[in-house]
Amino acid sequence: MTRLNEHAMKTLTYGLMHLTVAVAVAFVLTRNWHAALAIGLIEPMVQTVAYTFHERFWKKAETRKQRAAANEAFG
């Protein structure tokens, strides 16, 4: 599995897990399936997109850290 496919699969499974938890928690709080589904469907979609940006941020931070270490070693 390529790195991109692995990242996509990780994001997808995270989104599905988040969707399930969000609907369940919303249902426990509201005891209303319509409200639970509305809340549970919207929030994980937004969170999944936010997660993707979060992962990109940390990957870039790690890359900068590695470049700085390499420059220091050869500088």
N, C-alpha and C. Protein backbone atom coordinates (compact mmCIF):
# COMPACT_ATOMS: atom_id res chain seq x y z
N MET A 1 0.85 -1.18 0.00
CA MET A 1 0.00 0.00 0.00
C MET A 1 0.90 1.24 0.00
N THR A 2 0.62 2.17 -0.90
CA THR A 2 1.43 3.37 -0.97
C THR A 2 1.12 4.28 0.21
N ARG A 3 2.01 5.20 0.45
CA ARG A 3 1.86 6.14 1.57
C ARG A 3 0.56 6.95 1.41
N LEU A 4 0.26 7.37 0.17
CA LEU A 4 -0.95 8.14 -0.08
C LEU A 4 -2.19 7.29 0.20
N ASN A 5 -2.18 6.05 -0.27
CA ASN A 5 -3.32 5.17 -0.02
C ASN A 5 -3.49 4.90 1.47
N GLU A 6 -2.38 4.72 2.15
CA GLU A 6 -2.43 4.48 3.59
C GLU A 6 -3.03 5.69 4.31
N HIS A 7 -2.62 6.87 3.91
CA HIS A 7 -3.14 8.10 4.52
C HIS A 7 -4.64 8.24 4.22
N ALA A 8 -5.05 7.94 2.99
CA ALA A 8 -6.46 8.03 2.62
C ALA A 8 -7.29 7.02 3.42
N MET A 9 -6.77 5.81 3.58
CA MET A 9 -7.48 4.77 4.33
C MET A 9 -7.58 5.18 5.81
N LYS A 10 -6.51 5.73 6.35
CA LYS A 10 -6.52 6.19 7.74
C LYS A 10 -7.56 7.28 7.93
N THR A 11 -7.63 8.22 7.00
CA THR A 11 -8.60 9.30 7.08
C THR A 11 -10.02 8.77 6.96
N LEU A 12 -10.24 7.84 6.04
CA LEU A 12 -11.57 7.26 5.86
C LEU A 12 -12.04 6.50 7.10
N THR A 13 -11.18 5.64 7.65
CA THR A 13 -11.58 4.88 8.82
C THR A 13 -11.79 5.78 10.03
N TYR A 14 -10.98 6.82 10.14
CA TYR A 14 -11.18 7.79 11.22
C TYR A 14 -12.54 8.46 11.06
N GLY A 15 -12.87 8.84 9.85
CA GLY A 15 -14.15 9.48 9.60
C GLY A 15 -15.33 8.59 9.93
N LEU A 16 -15.24 7.32 9.56
CA LEU A 16 -16.32 6.37 9.87
C LEU A 16 -16.46 6.15 11.37
N MET A 17 -15.34 6.03 12.05
CA MET A 17 -15.37 5.87 13.50
C MET A 17 -15.99 7.10 14.15
N HIS A 18 -15.58 8.25 13.70
CA HIS A 18 -16.07 9.51 14.26
C HIS A 18 -17.57 9.65 14.01
N LEU A 19 -18.01 9.28 12.82
CA LEU A 19 -19.43 9.33 12.48
C LEU A 19 -20.24 8.48 13.44
N THR A 20 -19.80 7.27 13.67
CA THR A 20 -20.50 6.35 14.56
C THR A 20 -20.58 6.90 15.97
N VAL A 21 -19.48 7.39 16.48
CA VAL A 21 -19.44 7.93 17.84
C VAL A 21 -20.32 9.18 17.94
N ALA A 22 -20.23 10.06 16.95
CA ALA A 22 -21.01 11.30 16.98
C ALA A 22 -22.51 11.03 16.98
N VAL A 23 -22.96 10.10 16.14
CA VAL A 23 -24.39 9.78 16.09
C VAL A 23 -24.82 9.17 17.43
N ALA A 24 -24.01 8.27 17.95
CA ALA A 24 -24.36 7.62 19.22
C ALA A 24 -24.44 8.63 20.36
N VAL A 25 -23.47 9.50 20.46
CA VAL A 25 -23.47 10.51 21.54
C VAL A 25 -24.64 11.47 21.36
N ALA A 26 -24.88 11.92 20.13
CA ALA A 26 -26.00 12.83 19.88
C ALA A 26 -27.33 12.16 20.22
N PHE A 27 -27.45 10.87 19.93
CA PHE A 27 -28.69 10.17 20.26
C PHE A 27 -28.87 10.05 21.77
N VAL A 28 -27.79 9.73 22.47
CA VAL A 28 -27.88 9.63 23.94
C VAL A 28 -28.31 10.97 24.54
N LEU A 29 -27.80 12.05 23.99
CA LEU A 29 -28.12 13.37 24.53
C LEU A 29 -29.53 13.84 24.15
N THR A 30 -29.97 13.50 22.94
CA THR A 30 -31.26 14.03 22.47
C THR A 30 -32.40 13.02 22.50
N ARG A 31 -32.07 11.74 22.46
CA ARG A 31 -33.07 10.67 22.34
C ARG A 31 -33.95 10.87 21.10
N ASN A 32 -33.36 11.49 20.08
CA ASN A 32 -34.06 11.79 18.84
C ASN A 32 -33.15 11.39 17.68
N TRP A 33 -33.58 10.37 16.90
CA TRP A 33 -32.74 9.88 15.82
C TRP A 33 -32.55 10.92 14.72
N HIS A 34 -33.55 11.74 14.45
CA HIS A 34 -33.40 12.76 13.41
C HIS A 34 -32.33 13.77 13.79
N ALA A 35 -32.41 14.26 15.01
CA ALA A 35 -31.39 15.21 15.48
C ALA A 35 -30.02 14.54 15.55
N ALA A 36 -29.99 13.31 16.05
CA ALA A 36 -28.71 12.60 16.18
C ALA A 36 -28.05 12.40 14.83
N LEU A 37 -28.84 12.03 13.82
CA LEU A 37 -28.27 11.85 12.49
C LEU A 37 -27.82 13.18 11.89
N ALA A 38 -28.60 14.23 12.09
CA ALA A 38 -28.20 15.55 11.56
C ALA A 38 -26.88 16.00 12.19
N ILE A 39 -26.81 15.92 13.49
CA ILE A 39 -25.58 16.31 14.19
C ILE A 39 -24.45 15.36 13.83
N GLY A 40 -24.76 14.08 13.88
CA GLY A 40 -23.74 13.06 13.66
C GLY A 40 -23.19 13.02 12.25
N LEU A 41 -23.94 13.46 11.27
CA LEU A 41 -23.45 13.46 9.90
C LEU A 41 -22.64 14.71 9.57
N ILE A 42 -23.04 15.83 10.11
CA ILE A 42 -22.35 17.09 9.79
C ILE A 42 -21.02 17.21 10.53
N GLU A 43 -21.03 16.98 11.82
CA GLU A 43 -19.84 17.21 12.63
C GLU A 43 -18.65 16.34 12.20
N PRO A 44 -18.82 15.04 11.96
CA PRO A 44 -17.66 14.24 11.53
C PRO A 44 -17.11 14.64 10.16
N MET A 45 -17.97 15.09 9.27
CA MET A 45 -17.47 15.53 7.96
C MET A 45 -16.54 16.72 8.14
N VAL A 46 -16.95 17.67 8.95
CA VAL A 46 -16.12 18.84 9.21
C VAL A 46 -14.84 18.42 9.94
N GLN A 47 -14.98 17.54 10.90
CA GLN A 47 -13.83 17.08 11.69
C GLN A 47 -12.84 16.29 10.82
N THR A 48 -13.33 15.51 9.87
CA THR A 48 -12.45 14.75 8.99
C THR A 48 -11.61 15.68 8.12
N VAL A 49 -12.22 16.74 7.62
CA VAL A 49 -11.46 17.72 6.84
C VAL A 49 -10.43 18.41 7.74
N ALA A 50 -10.84 18.77 8.94
CA ALA A 50 -9.91 19.40 9.88
C ALA A 50 -8.75 18.46 10.21
N TYR A 51 -9.05 17.17 10.37
CA TYR A 51 -8.02 16.18 10.65
C TYR A 51 -6.98 16.12 9.52
N THR A 52 -7.45 16.19 8.29
CA THR A 52 -6.53 16.16 7.15
C THR A 52 -5.55 17.32 7.21
N PHE A 53 -6.05 18.51 7.50
CA PHE A 53 -5.17 19.67 7.63
C PHE A 53 -4.24 19.53 8.84
N HIS A 54 -4.75 18.97 9.90
CA HIS A 54 -3.94 18.73 11.10
C HIS A 54 -2.76 17.81 10.77
N GLU A 55 -3.04 16.72 10.06
CA GLU A 55 -1.98 15.78 9.67
C GLU A 55 -0.96 16.46 8.76
N ARG A 56 -1.42 17.26 7.82
CA ARG A 56 -0.50 17.97 6.92
C ARG A 56 0.40 18.93 7.69
N PHE A 57 -0.18 19.64 8.65
CA PHE A 57 0.59 20.56 9.47
C PHE A 57 1.72 19.82 10.18
N TRP A 58 1.41 18.71 10.82
CA TRP A 58 2.42 17.96 11.57
C TRP A 58 3.46 17.33 10.65
N LYS A 59 3.05 16.91 9.46
CA LYS A 59 4.01 16.36 8.51
C LYS A 59 4.99 17.45 8.07
N LYS A 60 4.49 18.64 7.79
CA LYS A 60 5.36 19.75 7.40
C LYS A 60 6.29 20.13 8.55
N ALA A 61 5.77 20.12 9.76
CA ALA A 61 6.60 20.45 10.93
C ALA A 61 7.73 19.43 11.07
N GLU A 62 7.44 18.16 10.87
CA GLU A 62 8.45 17.12 10.97
C GLU A 62 9.49 17.27 9.86
N THR A 63 9.03 17.61 8.65
CA THR A 63 9.95 17.82 7.54
C THR A 63 10.89 18.99 7.83
N ARG A 64 10.34 20.09 8.36
CA ARG A 64 11.18 21.24 8.72
C ARG A 64 12.21 20.86 9.79
N LYS A 65 11.78 20.08 10.75
CA LYS A 65 12.66 19.64 11.82
C LYS A 65 13.80 18.78 11.26
N GLN A 66 13.48 17.88 10.34
CA GLN A 66 14.50 17.03 9.74
C GLN A 66 15.47 17.85 8.89
N ARG A 67 14.95 18.82 8.15
CA ARG A 67 15.82 19.68 7.33
C ARG A 67 16.75 20.50 8.21
N ALA A 68 16.22 21.03 9.30
CA ALA A 68 17.05 21.82 10.22
C ALA A 68 18.15 20.95 10.82
N ALA A 69 17.82 19.72 11.17
CA ALA A 69 18.83 18.81 11.73
C ALA A 69 19.89 18.49 10.69
N ALA A 70 19.46 18.28 9.44
CA ALA A 70 20.41 17.97 8.37
C ALA A 70 21.31 19.18 8.09
N ASN A 71 20.73 20.36 8.07
CA ASN A 71 21.53 21.57 7.85
C ASN A 71 22.53 21.79 8.98
N GLU A 72 22.12 21.50 10.18
CA GLU A 72 23.00 21.64 11.34
C GLU A 72 24.16 20.65 11.26
N ALA A 73 23.86 19.44 10.81
CA ALA A 73 24.88 18.41 10.73
C ALA A 73 25.90 18.72 9.63
N PHE A 74 25.44 19.31 8.53
CA PHE A 74 26.31 19.60 7.42
C PHE A 74 26.73 21.07 7.36
N GLY A 75 26.17 21.88 8.24
CA GLY A 75 26.40 23.32 8.22
C GLY A 75 27.69 23.69 8.78
